[in-house]
Amino acid sequence: KTVQQDCKVDISEWKPDTSVINTKDPPDIEIFPRNEAVVRKENTLICFINNFFPPEINITWTKNDEIISTEDPFIKTVSNSDGLFHVFS
């Protein structure tokens, strides 16, 4: 056998790993106030992003169509039991 023949045999026996997550669905997103909403009183919004993969995610906050910086430098993705991820921002 040649290397090429061995390779063809190996590839034909290869089966895809069904445990690998392959999702193109958008994540679930919920936005809610940190404190009870009071008219004319500043509040902080929290965003919960759930059911996404891979774990790398870019989160951008805007106010009046302008990008603003976030106060929380400790944004960390967390694994769900199904292999997808969630994060609070």
N, C-alpha and C. Protein backbone atom coordinates (compact mmCIF):
# COMPACT_ATOMS: atom_id res chain seq x y z
N LYS A 1 0.84 -1.20 0.00
CA LYS A 1 0.00 0.00 0.00
C LYS A 1 0.88 1.24 0.00
N THR A 2 0.37 2.25 -0.63
CA THR A 2 1.06 3.53 -0.61
C THR A 2 0.43 4.40 0.46
N VAL A 3 1.10 5.50 0.75
CA VAL A 3 0.56 6.45 1.73
C VAL A 3 -0.79 6.97 1.27
N GLN A 4 -0.91 7.23 -0.03
CA GLN A 4 -2.17 7.74 -0.57
C GLN A 4 -3.30 6.73 -0.36
N GLN A 5 -3.02 5.45 -0.58
CA GLN A 5 -4.04 4.42 -0.38
C GLN A 5 -4.43 4.33 1.09
N ASP A 6 -3.45 4.39 1.99
CA ASP A 6 -3.74 4.36 3.42
C ASP A 6 -4.63 5.54 3.81
N CYS A 7 -4.31 6.70 3.28
CA CYS A 7 -5.07 7.90 3.62
C CYS A 7 -6.52 7.77 3.15
N LYS A 8 -6.72 7.28 1.94
CA LYS A 8 -8.08 7.10 1.42
C LYS A 8 -8.86 6.11 2.28
N VAL A 9 -8.23 5.05 2.72
CA VAL A 9 -8.89 4.07 3.58
C VAL A 9 -9.26 4.72 4.90
N ASP A 10 -8.33 5.45 5.51
CA ASP A 10 -8.59 6.11 6.80
C ASP A 10 -9.74 7.11 6.67
N ILE A 11 -9.75 7.89 5.61
CA ILE A 11 -10.80 8.90 5.44
C ILE A 11 -12.15 8.23 5.23
N SER A 12 -12.19 7.16 4.49
CA SER A 12 -13.48 6.50 4.24
C SER A 12 -14.05 5.89 5.52
N GLU A 13 -13.20 5.57 6.49
CA GLU A 13 -13.66 5.01 7.76
C GLU A 13 -13.99 6.08 8.79
N TRP A 14 -13.66 7.33 8.49
CA TRP A 14 -13.88 8.43 9.44
C TRP A 14 -15.36 8.75 9.53
N LYS A 15 -15.83 8.93 10.72
CA LYS A 15 -17.21 9.34 10.97
C LYS A 15 -17.20 10.66 11.71
N PRO A 16 -18.10 11.59 11.35
CA PRO A 16 -18.13 12.87 12.05
C PRO A 16 -18.46 12.68 13.53
N ASP A 17 -17.89 13.53 14.36
CA ASP A 17 -18.14 13.50 15.80
C ASP A 17 -19.46 14.21 16.07
N THR A 18 -20.49 13.46 16.41
CA THR A 18 -21.81 14.05 16.63
C THR A 18 -21.89 14.83 17.93
N SER A 19 -20.88 14.72 18.78
CA SER A 19 -20.91 15.47 20.04
C SER A 19 -20.46 16.92 19.85
N VAL A 20 -19.91 17.24 18.68
CA VAL A 20 -19.45 18.61 18.41
C VAL A 20 -20.67 19.49 18.16
N ILE A 21 -20.69 20.63 18.83
CA ILE A 21 -21.81 21.56 18.69
C ILE A 21 -21.59 22.41 17.45
N ASN A 22 -22.62 22.48 16.63
CA ASN A 22 -22.55 23.30 15.44
C ASN A 22 -23.87 24.07 15.36
N THR A 23 -23.89 25.28 15.88
CA THR A 23 -25.12 26.06 15.88
C THR A 23 -24.90 27.39 15.20
N LYS A 24 -25.87 27.77 14.41
CA LYS A 24 -25.85 29.09 13.79
C LYS A 24 -27.02 29.92 14.32
N ASP A 25 -27.74 29.35 15.28
CA ASP A 25 -28.87 30.07 15.86
C ASP A 25 -28.36 31.25 16.66
N PRO A 26 -29.07 32.38 16.61
CA PRO A 26 -28.65 33.52 17.43
C PRO A 26 -28.88 33.21 18.90
N PRO A 27 -28.10 33.82 19.79
CA PRO A 27 -28.29 33.57 21.22
C PRO A 27 -29.59 34.19 21.71
N ASP A 28 -30.05 33.72 22.86
CA ASP A 28 -31.20 34.34 23.54
C ASP A 28 -30.67 35.53 24.31
N ILE A 29 -31.35 36.67 24.23
CA ILE A 29 -30.88 37.89 24.89
C ILE A 29 -32.01 38.49 25.71
N GLU A 30 -31.70 38.82 26.97
CA GLU A 30 -32.64 39.51 27.85
C GLU A 30 -31.93 40.73 28.42
N ILE A 31 -32.61 41.88 28.40
CA ILE A 31 -32.06 43.10 29.00
C ILE A 31 -33.01 43.55 30.09
N PHE A 32 -32.45 43.84 31.26
CA PHE A 32 -33.29 44.25 32.39
C PHE A 32 -32.53 45.26 33.24
N PRO A 33 -33.26 46.09 34.02
CA PRO A 33 -32.60 47.08 34.88
C PRO A 33 -32.01 46.42 36.12
N ARG A 34 -30.89 46.96 36.59
CA ARG A 34 -30.28 46.45 37.82
C ARG A 34 -31.20 46.70 39.02
N ASN A 35 -31.76 47.90 39.08
CA ASN A 35 -32.65 48.28 40.18
C ASN A 35 -34.05 48.53 39.63
N GLU A 36 -35.01 48.64 40.53
CA GLU A 36 -36.37 48.96 40.12
C GLU A 36 -36.37 50.28 39.36
N ALA A 37 -37.09 50.33 38.26
CA ALA A 37 -37.13 51.54 37.44
C ALA A 37 -37.90 52.65 38.14
N VAL A 38 -37.28 53.83 38.21
CA VAL A 38 -37.90 55.02 38.79
C VAL A 38 -37.77 56.14 37.76
N VAL A 39 -38.87 56.85 37.50
CA VAL A 39 -38.87 57.92 36.50
C VAL A 39 -37.82 58.97 36.85
N ARG A 40 -37.04 59.38 35.85
CA ARG A 40 -36.00 60.41 35.93
C ARG A 40 -34.84 60.03 36.86
N LYS A 41 -34.68 58.76 37.15
CA LYS A 41 -33.56 58.32 37.97
C LYS A 41 -32.70 57.36 37.14
N GLU A 42 -31.38 57.64 37.11
CA GLU A 42 -30.47 56.79 36.35
C GLU A 42 -30.48 55.37 36.88
N ASN A 43 -30.29 54.44 35.98
CA ASN A 43 -30.25 53.04 36.34
C ASN A 43 -29.24 52.34 35.43
N THR A 44 -28.83 51.17 35.79
CA THR A 44 -27.90 50.40 34.99
C THR A 44 -28.64 49.23 34.36
N LEU A 45 -28.39 49.01 33.07
CA LEU A 45 -29.00 47.87 32.39
C LEU A 45 -28.05 46.68 32.44
N ILE A 46 -28.64 45.51 32.55
CA ILE A 46 -27.88 44.26 32.54
C ILE A 46 -28.38 43.43 31.36
N CYS A 47 -27.45 42.85 30.65
CA CYS A 47 -27.80 42.01 29.50
C CYS A 47 -27.40 40.57 29.80
N PHE A 48 -28.35 39.66 29.67
CA PHE A 48 -28.09 38.23 29.83
C PHE A 48 -28.15 37.59 28.45
N ILE A 49 -27.03 37.04 28.01
CA ILE A 49 -26.92 36.41 26.69
C ILE A 49 -26.73 34.92 26.93
N ASN A 50 -27.60 34.11 26.34
CA ASN A 50 -27.61 32.68 26.63
C ASN A 50 -27.68 31.84 25.35
N ASN A 51 -27.16 30.64 25.45
CA ASN A 51 -27.24 29.63 24.39
C ASN A 51 -26.46 30.03 23.14
N PHE A 52 -25.17 30.30 23.32
CA PHE A 52 -24.33 30.59 22.16
C PHE A 52 -23.10 29.70 22.17
N PHE A 53 -22.53 29.52 20.99
CA PHE A 53 -21.32 28.73 20.80
C PHE A 53 -20.67 29.21 19.52
N PRO A 54 -19.38 29.37 19.49
CA PRO A 54 -18.36 29.11 20.50
C PRO A 54 -18.39 30.15 21.62
N PRO A 55 -17.58 29.95 22.67
CA PRO A 55 -17.64 30.83 23.84
C PRO A 55 -17.13 32.25 23.60
N GLU A 56 -16.38 32.48 22.54
CA GLU A 56 -15.89 33.84 22.28
C GLU A 56 -17.05 34.68 21.77
N ILE A 57 -17.25 35.84 22.39
CA ILE A 57 -18.37 36.70 22.00
C ILE A 57 -17.96 38.15 22.20
N ASN A 58 -18.38 39.00 21.29
CA ASN A 58 -18.14 40.44 21.41
C ASN A 58 -19.45 41.10 21.80
N ILE A 59 -19.41 41.88 22.87
CA ILE A 59 -20.60 42.57 23.36
C ILE A 59 -20.34 44.06 23.26
N THR A 60 -21.23 44.77 22.60
CA THR A 60 -21.10 46.22 22.46
C THR A 60 -22.38 46.87 22.95
N TRP A 61 -22.23 47.82 23.86
CA TRP A 61 -23.37 48.59 24.35
C TRP A 61 -23.41 49.92 23.61
N THR A 62 -24.62 50.37 23.29
CA THR A 62 -24.79 51.68 22.67
C THR A 62 -25.84 52.48 23.42
N LYS A 63 -25.69 53.79 23.36
CA LYS A 63 -26.68 54.71 23.93
C LYS A 63 -26.87 55.81 22.90
N ASN A 64 -28.11 55.98 22.45
CA ASN A 64 -28.42 56.95 21.39
C ASN A 64 -27.53 56.73 20.17
N ASP A 65 -27.36 55.47 19.79
CA ASP A 65 -26.57 55.05 18.62
C ASP A 65 -25.07 55.32 18.76
N GLU A 66 -24.60 55.62 19.95
CA GLU A 66 -23.16 55.83 20.19
C GLU A 66 -22.65 54.68 21.06
N ILE A 67 -21.50 54.12 20.68
CA ILE A 67 -20.90 53.05 21.48
C ILE A 67 -20.41 53.62 22.80
N ILE A 68 -20.75 52.95 23.90
CA ILE A 68 -20.31 53.39 25.22
C ILE A 68 -19.46 52.29 25.86
N SER A 69 -18.61 52.68 26.79
CA SER A 69 -17.79 51.69 27.48
C SER A 69 -18.60 51.08 28.62
N THR A 70 -18.26 49.86 28.98
CA THR A 70 -18.94 49.20 30.09
C THR A 70 -18.11 49.33 31.35
N GLU A 71 -18.77 49.27 32.48
CA GLU A 71 -18.08 49.42 33.76
C GLU A 71 -17.55 48.09 34.28
N ASP A 72 -18.00 46.98 33.71
CA ASP A 72 -17.65 45.67 34.23
C ASP A 72 -16.52 45.03 33.42
N PRO A 73 -15.29 45.05 33.95
CA PRO A 73 -14.18 44.43 33.21
C PRO A 73 -14.09 42.92 33.42
N PHE A 74 -15.01 42.35 34.19
CA PHE A 74 -14.93 40.93 34.54
C PHE A 74 -15.95 40.08 33.80
N ILE A 75 -16.29 40.47 32.59
CA ILE A 75 -17.24 39.69 31.80
C ILE A 75 -16.61 38.33 31.50
N LYS A 76 -17.32 37.26 31.88
CA LYS A 76 -16.78 35.91 31.71
C LYS A 76 -17.87 34.99 31.19
N THR A 77 -17.58 34.27 30.13
CA THR A 77 -18.55 33.30 29.63
C THR A 77 -18.54 32.08 30.53
N VAL A 78 -19.72 31.49 30.69
CA VAL A 78 -19.90 30.32 31.56
C VAL A 78 -20.55 29.22 30.74
N SER A 79 -20.10 27.99 30.94
CA SER A 79 -20.62 26.85 30.19
C SER A 79 -21.94 26.38 30.78
N ASN A 80 -22.91 26.13 29.91
CA ASN A 80 -24.17 25.51 30.30
C ASN A 80 -23.98 23.99 30.28
N SER A 81 -24.91 23.26 30.86
CA SER A 81 -24.80 21.79 30.89
C SER A 81 -24.90 21.16 29.50
N ASP A 82 -25.48 21.88 28.54
CA ASP A 82 -25.63 21.33 27.18
C ASP A 82 -24.46 21.68 26.26
N GLY A 83 -23.41 22.32 26.81
CA GLY A 83 -22.24 22.66 26.01
C GLY A 83 -22.29 24.04 25.39
N LEU A 84 -23.43 24.70 25.47
CA LEU A 84 -23.53 26.08 25.01
C LEU A 84 -23.05 26.99 26.15
N PHE A 85 -23.07 28.31 25.94
CA PHE A 85 -22.52 29.23 26.93
C PHE A 85 -23.50 30.36 27.23
N HIS A 86 -23.25 31.03 28.38
CA HIS A 86 -24.00 32.24 28.72
C HIS A 86 -23.06 33.25 29.36
N VAL A 87 -23.51 34.51 29.37
CA VAL A 87 -22.71 35.59 29.94
C VAL A 87 -23.65 36.71 30.37
N PHE A 88 -23.25 37.43 31.41
CA PHE A 88 -23.93 38.65 31.82
C PHE A 88 -23.04 39.82 31.45
N SER A 89 -23.63 40.91 31.02
CA SER A 89 -22.86 42.12 30.72
C SER A 89 -23.63 43.31 31.25
